[in-house]
Amino acid sequence: MALTLTQLRQTLGDMDAPELREVIVTLYRASADNKRQLAALLEGDHSGLLDRLDTELEKAFRTSGRLPSMKVGAAKKALTAYLKVAAPAEALDAELRYVEAGVMCLHAYGDWPESNYSSMEGVFEAALKRAATLDVKDIPFKRLERLVSNADGFGYGFSDQIAFLYDEFLEKLEESED
């Protein structure tokens, strides 16, 4: 049976410092993902997680060379890992990278599975929610407008949804200024 978060917390609470260190070292040795996550959490070095995101975006959405995989699971996982440690502006940049890479891929290769559209819509919506938490002067409006414009004309209502989400975001910003 899988360990629940409550059970994990209780078990860790019962351990002394040397036991905790050994658990962390074991996790570190277990995978490259764990090494990147621990470096980000313990040393503030997010570069490994950002590099992983860039690598996975290239595999999923590449626009030159070999065909893209168009499988977004690993890219989404890398994005999620990075978002856990990134500052809000850095996280927004990463989310926009994800959607921009997908849109560029659509321009290069055309249509793809509906689930990829849904994934990009979800990431874009999360990016807009994050942008709304930033100071207005820190919101990359030109980048967002370019992304909405570049997303125009794609299937399954994708371009309409991206435009709708952006319009809704702008309306909420205007309301909060009043």
N, C-alpha and C. Protein backbone atom coordinates (compact mmCIF):
# COMPACT_ATOMS: atom_id res chain seq x y z
N MET A 1 0.84 -1.17 0.00
CA MET A 1 0.00 0.00 0.00
C MET A 1 0.89 1.24 0.00
N ALA A 2 0.48 2.27 -0.75
CA ALA A 2 1.25 3.49 -0.87
C ALA A 2 1.21 4.29 0.42
N LEU A 3 2.30 4.96 0.69
CA LEU A 3 2.43 5.81 1.86
C LEU A 3 1.67 7.11 1.63
N THR A 4 0.82 7.48 2.56
CA THR A 4 0.09 8.75 2.42
C THR A 4 0.98 9.89 2.93
N LEU A 5 0.60 11.11 2.59
CA LEU A 5 1.36 12.28 3.05
C LEU A 5 1.32 12.38 4.57
N THR A 6 0.19 12.07 5.17
CA THR A 6 0.06 12.10 6.63
C THR A 6 1.00 11.08 7.26
N GLN A 7 1.03 9.86 6.70
CA GLN A 7 1.92 8.82 7.22
C GLN A 7 3.38 9.23 7.06
N LEU A 8 3.70 9.84 5.91
CA LEU A 8 5.07 10.29 5.66
C LEU A 8 5.48 11.32 6.70
N ARG A 9 4.63 12.29 6.94
CA ARG A 9 4.93 13.33 7.93
C ARG A 9 5.13 12.73 9.32
N GLN A 10 4.30 11.79 9.67
CA GLN A 10 4.42 11.16 10.99
C GLN A 10 5.73 10.38 11.08
N THR A 11 6.05 9.63 10.06
CA THR A 11 7.28 8.84 10.05
C THR A 11 8.51 9.74 10.12
N LEU A 12 8.51 10.79 9.31
CA LEU A 12 9.64 11.73 9.33
C LEU A 12 9.75 12.44 10.67
N GLY A 13 8.62 12.74 11.28
CA GLY A 13 8.62 13.39 12.60
C GLY A 13 9.21 12.50 13.68
N ASP A 14 9.14 11.19 13.49
CA ASP A 14 9.68 10.25 14.47
C ASP A 14 11.16 9.97 14.26
N MET A 15 11.75 10.46 13.16
CA MET A 15 13.16 10.18 12.85
C MET A 15 14.07 11.24 13.48
N ASP A 16 15.30 10.80 13.78
CA ASP A 16 16.28 11.78 14.24
C ASP A 16 17.06 12.32 13.04
N ALA A 17 17.90 13.32 13.26
CA ALA A 17 18.61 14.01 12.16
C ALA A 17 19.43 13.07 11.28
N PRO A 18 20.22 12.15 11.84
CA PRO A 18 21.00 11.25 10.95
C PRO A 18 20.10 10.36 10.06
N GLU A 19 18.99 9.92 10.61
CA GLU A 19 18.07 9.10 9.81
C GLU A 19 17.47 9.93 8.68
N LEU A 20 17.09 11.16 8.98
CA LEU A 20 16.54 12.06 7.94
C LEU A 20 17.57 12.32 6.86
N ARG A 21 18.81 12.59 7.25
CA ARG A 21 19.87 12.81 6.26
C ARG A 21 20.02 11.60 5.34
N GLU A 22 19.96 10.41 5.91
CA GLU A 22 20.12 9.20 5.10
C GLU A 22 18.97 9.02 4.11
N VAL A 23 17.76 9.36 4.53
CA VAL A 23 16.61 9.30 3.62
C VAL A 23 16.81 10.27 2.46
N ILE A 24 17.26 11.47 2.77
CA ILE A 24 17.46 12.48 1.72
C ILE A 24 18.58 12.06 0.77
N VAL A 25 19.66 11.52 1.30
CA VAL A 25 20.76 11.05 0.44
C VAL A 25 20.27 9.91 -0.45
N THR A 26 19.48 9.02 0.08
CA THR A 26 18.94 7.91 -0.71
C THR A 26 18.05 8.44 -1.83
N LEU A 27 17.21 9.40 -1.51
CA LEU A 27 16.36 10.01 -2.55
C LEU A 27 17.21 10.71 -3.61
N TYR A 28 18.25 11.40 -3.18
CA TYR A 28 19.15 12.10 -4.11
C TYR A 28 19.76 11.11 -5.11
N ARG A 29 20.20 9.97 -4.59
CA ARG A 29 20.84 8.96 -5.44
C ARG A 29 19.85 8.22 -6.34
N ALA A 30 18.57 8.29 -6.03
CA ALA A 30 17.57 7.49 -6.73
C ALA A 30 17.30 7.95 -8.16
N SER A 31 17.39 9.25 -8.43
CA SER A 31 17.08 9.70 -9.80
C SER A 31 17.63 11.10 -10.07
N ALA A 32 17.82 11.37 -11.34
CA ALA A 32 18.27 12.70 -11.77
C ALA A 32 17.21 13.74 -11.44
N ASP A 33 15.94 13.38 -11.54
CA ASP A 33 14.87 14.32 -11.19
C ASP A 33 14.97 14.73 -9.72
N ASN A 34 15.23 13.77 -8.85
CA ASN A 34 15.39 14.07 -7.43
C ASN A 34 16.58 15.00 -7.21
N LYS A 35 17.68 14.76 -7.91
CA LYS A 35 18.87 15.63 -7.77
C LYS A 35 18.53 17.06 -8.16
N ARG A 36 17.82 17.24 -9.27
CA ARG A 36 17.44 18.58 -9.72
C ARG A 36 16.51 19.25 -8.70
N GLN A 37 15.55 18.50 -8.20
CA GLN A 37 14.59 19.06 -7.25
C GLN A 37 15.29 19.45 -5.94
N LEU A 38 16.17 18.60 -5.45
CA LEU A 38 16.88 18.92 -4.21
C LEU A 38 17.81 20.10 -4.40
N ALA A 39 18.48 20.19 -5.55
CA ALA A 39 19.35 21.35 -5.82
C ALA A 39 18.53 22.63 -5.81
N ALA A 40 17.35 22.58 -6.38
CA ALA A 40 16.49 23.77 -6.41
C ALA A 40 16.01 24.13 -5.01
N LEU A 41 15.59 23.15 -4.25
CA LEU A 41 15.05 23.41 -2.92
C LEU A 41 16.12 23.80 -1.90
N LEU A 42 17.27 23.12 -1.95
CA LEU A 42 18.28 23.32 -0.92
C LEU A 42 19.30 24.40 -1.27
N GLU A 43 19.57 24.57 -2.55
CA GLU A 43 20.61 25.52 -2.96
C GLU A 43 20.05 26.71 -3.73
N GLY A 44 18.75 26.68 -4.04
CA GLY A 44 18.17 27.76 -4.82
C GLY A 44 18.59 27.75 -6.28
N ASP A 45 19.12 26.62 -6.74
CA ASP A 45 19.59 26.51 -8.12
C ASP A 45 18.50 25.85 -8.96
N HIS A 46 17.75 26.66 -9.70
CA HIS A 46 16.65 26.17 -10.52
C HIS A 46 17.09 25.80 -11.92
N SER A 47 18.35 26.00 -12.24
CA SER A 47 18.81 25.82 -13.62
C SER A 47 18.61 24.40 -14.13
N GLY A 48 18.82 23.41 -13.29
CA GLY A 48 18.63 22.03 -13.73
C GLY A 48 17.19 21.74 -14.09
N LEU A 49 16.26 22.28 -13.31
CA LEU A 49 14.84 22.08 -13.61
C LEU A 49 14.43 22.84 -14.87
N LEU A 50 14.97 24.03 -15.05
CA LEU A 50 14.67 24.81 -16.25
C LEU A 50 15.27 24.14 -17.50
N ASP A 51 16.48 23.62 -17.37
CA ASP A 51 17.09 22.89 -18.49
C ASP A 51 16.26 21.66 -18.86
N ARG A 52 15.76 20.98 -17.85
CA ARG A 52 14.92 19.80 -18.08
C ARG A 52 13.64 20.20 -18.81
N LEU A 53 13.05 21.30 -18.40
CA LEU A 53 11.85 21.79 -19.07
C LEU A 53 12.15 22.10 -20.54
N ASP A 54 13.23 22.81 -20.80
CA ASP A 54 13.59 23.14 -22.18
C ASP A 54 13.81 21.87 -23.02
N THR A 55 14.47 20.88 -22.44
CA THR A 55 14.71 19.62 -23.14
C THR A 55 13.39 18.93 -23.49
N GLU A 56 12.48 18.88 -22.52
CA GLU A 56 11.20 18.20 -22.74
C GLU A 56 10.31 18.98 -23.72
N LEU A 57 10.38 20.30 -23.67
CA LEU A 57 9.62 21.10 -24.64
C LEU A 57 10.15 20.85 -26.05
N GLU A 58 11.45 20.74 -26.18
CA GLU A 58 12.05 20.47 -27.49
C GLU A 58 11.61 19.10 -28.02
N LYS A 59 11.59 18.10 -27.17
CA LYS A 59 11.14 16.76 -27.60
C LYS A 59 9.68 16.79 -28.04
N ALA A 60 8.85 17.41 -27.24
CA ALA A 60 7.41 17.39 -27.51
C ALA A 60 7.01 18.28 -28.67
N PHE A 61 7.66 19.45 -28.78
CA PHE A 61 7.18 20.47 -29.71
C PHE A 61 8.20 20.93 -30.76
N ARG A 62 9.28 20.22 -30.96
CA ARG A 62 10.35 20.74 -31.84
C ARG A 62 9.81 21.20 -33.18
N THR A 63 10.41 22.25 -33.70
CA THR A 63 9.97 22.79 -34.98
C THR A 63 11.05 22.68 -36.05
N SER A 64 12.12 22.01 -35.73
CA SER A 64 13.15 21.78 -36.74
C SER A 64 13.73 20.38 -36.52
N GLY A 65 14.39 19.87 -37.54
CA GLY A 65 14.98 18.53 -37.41
C GLY A 65 13.91 17.45 -37.45
N ARG A 66 14.08 16.47 -36.56
CA ARG A 66 13.13 15.36 -36.52
C ARG A 66 11.75 15.83 -36.12
N LEU A 67 10.77 15.01 -36.40
CA LEU A 67 9.39 15.34 -36.04
C LEU A 67 9.23 15.41 -34.52
N PRO A 68 8.35 16.28 -34.03
CA PRO A 68 8.09 16.32 -32.60
C PRO A 68 7.32 15.08 -32.16
N SER A 69 7.44 14.74 -30.90
CA SER A 69 6.69 13.59 -30.39
C SER A 69 5.22 13.95 -30.21
N MET A 70 4.95 15.22 -29.95
CA MET A 70 3.61 15.72 -29.64
C MET A 70 3.03 15.03 -28.41
N LYS A 71 3.89 14.40 -27.62
CA LYS A 71 3.50 13.81 -26.34
C LYS A 71 3.93 14.79 -25.26
N VAL A 72 2.96 15.37 -24.58
CA VAL A 72 3.24 16.47 -23.68
C VAL A 72 3.43 16.06 -22.22
N GLY A 73 3.27 14.79 -21.91
CA GLY A 73 3.34 14.34 -20.51
C GLY A 73 4.64 14.69 -19.82
N ALA A 74 5.77 14.41 -20.46
CA ALA A 74 7.06 14.70 -19.83
C ALA A 74 7.30 16.20 -19.73
N ALA A 75 6.86 16.95 -20.72
CA ALA A 75 7.01 18.41 -20.66
C ALA A 75 6.15 18.99 -19.54
N LYS A 76 4.95 18.47 -19.39
CA LYS A 76 4.06 18.94 -18.33
C LYS A 76 4.65 18.60 -16.96
N LYS A 77 5.23 17.42 -16.83
CA LYS A 77 5.85 17.00 -15.57
C LYS A 77 7.04 17.92 -15.24
N ALA A 78 7.86 18.22 -16.25
CA ALA A 78 9.01 19.11 -16.04
C ALA A 78 8.54 20.51 -15.67
N LEU A 79 7.47 20.98 -16.29
CA LEU A 79 6.92 22.29 -15.95
C LEU A 79 6.44 22.30 -14.51
N THR A 80 5.72 21.28 -14.10
CA THR A 80 5.21 21.19 -12.74
C THR A 80 6.34 21.21 -11.72
N ALA A 81 7.41 20.47 -12.00
CA ALA A 81 8.55 20.44 -11.09
C ALA A 81 9.18 21.82 -10.96
N TYR A 82 9.32 22.51 -12.08
CA TYR A 82 9.91 23.85 -12.05
C TYR A 82 9.02 24.84 -11.32
N LEU A 83 7.72 24.76 -11.53
CA LEU A 83 6.78 25.70 -10.90
C LEU A 83 6.82 25.62 -9.38
N LYS A 84 7.19 24.47 -8.85
CA LYS A 84 7.23 24.29 -7.40
C LYS A 84 8.30 25.13 -6.73
N VAL A 85 9.35 25.51 -7.49
CA VAL A 85 10.46 26.23 -6.88
C VAL A 85 10.69 27.62 -7.46
N ALA A 86 10.02 27.94 -8.55
CA ALA A 86 10.26 29.21 -9.24
C ALA A 86 9.51 30.37 -8.58
N ALA A 87 10.11 31.54 -8.68
CA ALA A 87 9.44 32.77 -8.26
C ALA A 87 8.29 33.02 -9.23
N PRO A 88 7.28 33.80 -8.83
CA PRO A 88 6.11 34.01 -9.70
C PRO A 88 6.44 34.48 -11.13
N ALA A 89 7.33 35.43 -11.30
CA ALA A 89 7.66 35.90 -12.65
C ALA A 89 8.37 34.81 -13.45
N GLU A 90 9.24 34.04 -12.79
CA GLU A 90 9.93 32.93 -13.48
C GLU A 90 8.93 31.85 -13.86
N ALA A 91 7.99 31.58 -12.98
CA ALA A 91 6.97 30.56 -13.25
C ALA A 91 6.10 30.98 -14.43
N LEU A 92 5.73 32.25 -14.47
CA LEU A 92 4.95 32.77 -15.60
C LEU A 92 5.72 32.60 -16.90
N ASP A 93 6.99 32.93 -16.88
CA ASP A 93 7.82 32.77 -18.07
C ASP A 93 7.82 31.31 -18.53
N ALA A 94 7.95 30.38 -17.61
CA ALA A 94 7.98 28.95 -17.96
C ALA A 94 6.64 28.50 -18.55
N GLU A 95 5.55 28.95 -17.95
CA GLU A 95 4.24 28.58 -18.48
C GLU A 95 4.05 29.14 -19.89
N LEU A 96 4.48 30.35 -20.09
CA LEU A 96 4.36 30.94 -21.43
C LEU A 96 5.27 30.23 -22.43
N ARG A 97 6.44 29.80 -22.00
CA ARG A 97 7.33 29.01 -22.88
C ARG A 97 6.61 27.76 -23.37
N TYR A 98 5.92 27.11 -22.45
CA TYR A 98 5.21 25.87 -22.78
C TYR A 98 4.17 26.14 -23.88
N VAL A 99 3.34 27.15 -23.67
CA VAL A 99 2.28 27.44 -24.64
C VAL A 99 2.87 27.96 -25.95
N GLU A 100 3.88 28.80 -25.87
CA GLU A 100 4.51 29.32 -27.08
C GLU A 100 5.13 28.19 -27.90
N ALA A 101 5.78 27.24 -27.23
CA ALA A 101 6.38 26.11 -27.94
C ALA A 101 5.30 25.28 -28.64
N GLY A 102 4.19 25.08 -27.96
CA GLY A 102 3.09 24.34 -28.57
C GLY A 102 2.52 25.05 -29.78
N VAL A 103 2.34 26.36 -29.68
CA VAL A 103 1.80 27.13 -30.79
C VAL A 103 2.76 27.12 -31.98
N MET A 104 4.06 27.24 -31.70
CA MET A 104 5.05 27.17 -32.79
C MET A 104 5.00 25.81 -33.48
N CYS A 105 4.81 24.76 -32.69
CA CYS A 105 4.70 23.42 -33.25
C CYS A 105 3.46 23.30 -34.13
N LEU A 106 2.37 23.86 -33.68
CA LEU A 106 1.15 23.85 -34.49
C LEU A 106 1.37 24.55 -35.83
N HIS A 107 2.08 25.66 -35.81
CA HIS A 107 2.37 26.38 -37.05
C HIS A 107 3.25 25.55 -37.98
N ALA A 108 4.16 24.79 -37.41
CA ALA A 108 5.09 24.00 -38.22
C ALA A 108 4.46 22.71 -38.75
N TYR A 109 3.61 22.05 -37.93
CA TYR A 109 3.13 20.72 -38.29
C TYR A 109 1.63 20.58 -38.43
N GLY A 110 0.88 21.61 -38.07
CA GLY A 110 -0.56 21.51 -38.20
C GLY A 110 -1.23 20.90 -36.99
N ASP A 111 -2.37 20.32 -37.22
CA ASP A 111 -3.25 19.82 -36.16
C ASP A 111 -2.60 18.71 -35.34
N TRP A 112 -3.13 18.49 -34.14
CA TRP A 112 -2.66 17.43 -33.26
C TRP A 112 -3.77 16.98 -32.34
N PRO A 113 -3.51 16.04 -31.43
CA PRO A 113 -4.59 15.51 -30.59
C PRO A 113 -5.27 16.58 -29.74
N GLU A 114 -6.56 16.42 -29.55
CA GLU A 114 -7.35 17.37 -28.79
C GLU A 114 -6.82 17.54 -27.36
N SER A 115 -6.27 16.48 -26.79
CA SER A 115 -5.75 16.57 -25.42
C SER A 115 -4.60 17.57 -25.31
N ASN A 116 -3.84 17.75 -26.39
CA ASN A 116 -2.76 18.73 -26.37
C ASN A 116 -3.31 20.15 -26.33
N TYR A 117 -4.40 20.36 -27.05
CA TYR A 117 -5.05 21.67 -26.99
C TYR A 117 -5.51 21.95 -25.56
N SER A 118 -6.13 20.97 -24.94
CA SER A 118 -6.62 21.14 -23.57
C SER A 118 -5.47 21.42 -22.61
N SER A 119 -4.37 20.74 -22.79
CA SER A 119 -3.20 20.95 -21.94
C SER A 119 -2.69 22.38 -22.08
N MET A 120 -2.57 22.85 -23.31
CA MET A 120 -2.07 24.21 -23.53
C MET A 120 -3.06 25.25 -23.00
N GLU A 121 -4.35 25.01 -23.17
CA GLU A 121 -5.34 25.93 -22.62
C GLU A 121 -5.22 26.01 -21.10
N GLY A 122 -5.04 24.86 -20.46
CA GLY A 122 -4.90 24.83 -19.01
C GLY A 122 -3.66 25.57 -18.53
N VAL A 123 -2.56 25.38 -19.23
CA VAL A 123 -1.33 26.07 -18.85
C VAL A 123 -1.48 27.57 -19.08
N PHE A 124 -2.12 27.96 -20.18
CA PHE A 124 -2.32 29.37 -20.44
C PHE A 124 -3.22 30.01 -19.38
N GLU A 125 -4.25 29.32 -19.00
CA GLU A 125 -5.14 29.83 -17.95
C GLU A 125 -4.39 30.00 -16.64
N ALA A 126 -3.56 29.01 -16.29
CA ALA A 126 -2.75 29.11 -15.06
C ALA A 126 -1.77 30.28 -15.16
N ALA A 127 -1.20 30.48 -16.34
CA ALA A 127 -0.27 31.60 -16.54
C ALA A 127 -0.97 32.93 -16.33
N LEU A 128 -2.18 33.05 -16.84
CA LEU A 128 -2.92 34.29 -16.66
C LEU A 128 -3.28 34.53 -15.20
N LYS A 129 -3.63 33.48 -14.49
CA LYS A 129 -3.92 33.61 -13.05
C LYS A 129 -2.66 34.07 -12.31
N ARG A 130 -1.53 33.52 -12.70
CA ARG A 130 -0.27 33.91 -12.08
C ARG A 130 0.05 35.36 -12.43
N ALA A 131 -0.16 35.73 -13.69
CA ALA A 131 0.11 37.10 -14.13
C ALA A 131 -0.73 38.09 -13.33
N ALA A 132 -1.94 37.71 -13.01
CA ALA A 132 -2.83 38.60 -12.25
C ALA A 132 -2.31 38.87 -10.85
N THR A 133 -1.42 38.02 -10.34
CA THR A 133 -0.85 38.23 -9.01
C THR A 133 0.36 39.16 -9.04
N LEU A 134 0.86 39.45 -10.23
CA LEU A 134 2.04 40.30 -10.37
C LEU A 134 1.63 41.77 -10.39
N ASP A 135 2.59 42.60 -10.16
CA ASP A 135 2.40 44.04 -10.33
C ASP A 135 2.12 44.27 -11.81
N VAL A 136 1.18 45.14 -12.13
CA VAL A 136 0.78 45.36 -13.53
C VAL A 136 1.98 45.69 -14.42
N LYS A 137 2.95 46.41 -13.90
CA LYS A 137 4.12 46.77 -14.71
C LYS A 137 4.98 45.55 -15.04
N ASP A 138 4.81 44.45 -14.31
CA ASP A 138 5.61 43.24 -14.54
C ASP A 138 4.92 42.23 -15.44
N ILE A 139 3.70 42.51 -15.85
CA ILE A 139 2.96 41.59 -16.72
C ILE A 139 3.43 41.79 -18.16
N PRO A 140 3.83 40.73 -18.83
CA PRO A 140 4.35 40.85 -20.21
C PRO A 140 3.22 40.92 -21.24
N PHE A 141 2.53 42.05 -21.29
CA PHE A 141 1.35 42.20 -22.15
C PHE A 141 1.68 41.95 -23.62
N LYS A 142 2.78 42.47 -24.12
CA LYS A 142 3.12 42.28 -25.54
C LYS A 142 3.34 40.80 -25.85
N ARG A 143 4.00 40.11 -24.94
CA ARG A 143 4.22 38.66 -25.14
C ARG A 143 2.89 37.91 -25.12
N LEU A 144 2.02 38.26 -24.21
CA LEU A 144 0.71 37.61 -24.14
C LEU A 144 -0.11 37.89 -25.40
N GLU A 145 -0.11 39.12 -25.85
CA GLU A 145 -0.86 39.48 -27.06
C GLU A 145 -0.31 38.77 -28.29
N ARG A 146 1.02 38.66 -28.36
CA ARG A 146 1.65 37.94 -29.48
C ARG A 146 1.25 36.46 -29.46
N LEU A 147 1.22 35.89 -28.26
CA LEU A 147 0.84 34.49 -28.13
C LEU A 147 -0.61 34.28 -28.58
N VAL A 148 -1.51 35.16 -28.14
CA VAL A 148 -2.92 35.06 -28.54
C VAL A 148 -3.04 35.19 -30.06
N SER A 149 -2.32 36.12 -30.63
CA SER A 149 -2.35 36.33 -32.08
C SER A 149 -1.81 35.11 -32.82
N ASN A 150 -0.70 34.55 -32.34
CA ASN A 150 -0.10 33.38 -32.99
C ASN A 150 -0.96 32.13 -32.86
N ALA A 151 -1.79 32.07 -31.83
CA ALA A 151 -2.65 30.91 -31.61
C ALA A 151 -3.91 30.94 -32.47
N ASP A 152 -4.13 32.04 -33.17
CA ASP A 152 -5.35 32.19 -33.96
C ASP A 152 -5.41 31.20 -35.11
N GLY A 153 -6.60 30.63 -35.31
CA GLY A 153 -6.86 29.79 -36.47
C GLY A 153 -6.67 28.30 -36.29
N PHE A 154 -6.52 27.83 -35.06
CA PHE A 154 -6.35 26.40 -34.85
C PHE A 154 -7.62 25.75 -34.33
N GLY A 155 -7.71 24.45 -34.52
CA GLY A 155 -8.94 23.70 -34.33
C GLY A 155 -9.39 23.47 -32.91
N TYR A 156 -10.53 22.76 -32.83
CA TYR A 156 -11.17 22.36 -31.58
C TYR A 156 -11.51 23.55 -30.69
N GLY A 157 -11.64 24.75 -31.27
CA GLY A 157 -11.96 25.93 -30.49
C GLY A 157 -10.79 26.47 -29.70
N PHE A 158 -9.59 25.95 -29.97
CA PHE A 158 -8.40 26.35 -29.22
C PHE A 158 -8.14 27.84 -29.30
N SER A 159 -8.11 28.38 -30.51
CA SER A 159 -7.80 29.80 -30.66
C SER A 159 -8.88 30.66 -30.00
N ASP A 160 -10.12 30.24 -30.10
CA ASP A 160 -11.21 30.98 -29.45
C ASP A 160 -11.05 30.96 -27.93
N GLN A 161 -10.69 29.82 -27.39
CA GLN A 161 -10.53 29.70 -25.94
C GLN A 161 -9.36 30.54 -25.45
N ILE A 162 -8.25 30.53 -26.17
CA ILE A 162 -7.08 31.34 -25.78
C ILE A 162 -7.46 32.82 -25.79
N ALA A 163 -8.14 33.26 -26.84
CA ALA A 163 -8.56 34.66 -26.93
C ALA A 163 -9.56 34.99 -25.81
N PHE A 164 -10.50 34.09 -25.54
CA PHE A 164 -11.48 34.31 -24.48
C PHE A 164 -10.79 34.44 -23.12
N LEU A 165 -9.85 33.54 -22.82
CA LEU A 165 -9.15 33.60 -21.54
C LEU A 165 -8.38 34.91 -21.39
N TYR A 166 -7.76 35.36 -22.47
CA TYR A 166 -7.00 36.61 -22.40
C TYR A 166 -7.95 37.81 -22.22
N ASP A 167 -9.03 37.81 -22.95
CA ASP A 167 -10.01 38.91 -22.79
C ASP A 167 -10.56 38.94 -21.36
N GLU A 168 -10.86 37.79 -20.83
CA GLU A 168 -11.37 37.69 -19.46
C GLU A 168 -10.32 38.22 -18.46
N PHE A 169 -9.07 37.87 -18.69
CA PHE A 169 -7.96 38.35 -17.86
C PHE A 169 -7.89 39.88 -17.89
N LEU A 170 -7.97 40.45 -19.08
CA LEU A 170 -7.92 41.90 -19.21
C LEU A 170 -9.09 42.57 -18.50
N GLU A 171 -10.28 41.99 -18.62
CA GLU A 171 -11.45 42.55 -17.96
C GLU A 171 -11.27 42.55 -16.43
N LYS A 172 -10.74 41.45 -15.90
CA LYS A 172 -10.52 41.37 -14.45
C LYS A 172 -9.49 42.40 -14.00
N LEU A 173 -8.47 42.60 -14.81
CA LEU A 173 -7.48 43.62 -14.47
C LEU A 173 -8.09 45.01 -14.43
N GLU A 174 -8.93 45.30 -15.42
CA GLU A 174 -9.61 46.60 -15.46
C GLU A 174 -10.52 46.79 -14.25
N GLU A 175 -11.25 45.73 -13.89
CA GLU A 175 -12.13 45.80 -12.72
C GLU A 175 -11.36 46.06 -11.44
N SER A 176 -10.19 45.44 -11.31
CA SER A 176 -9.40 45.62 -10.09
C SER A 176 -8.77 47.01 -10.01
N GLU A 177 -8.62 47.69 -11.15
CA GLU A 177 -8.09 49.05 -11.17
C GLU A 177 -9.13 50.06 -10.73
N ASP A 178 -10.41 49.72 -10.91
CA ASP A 178 -11.49 50.65 -10.56
C ASP A 178 -11.70 50.75 -9.08
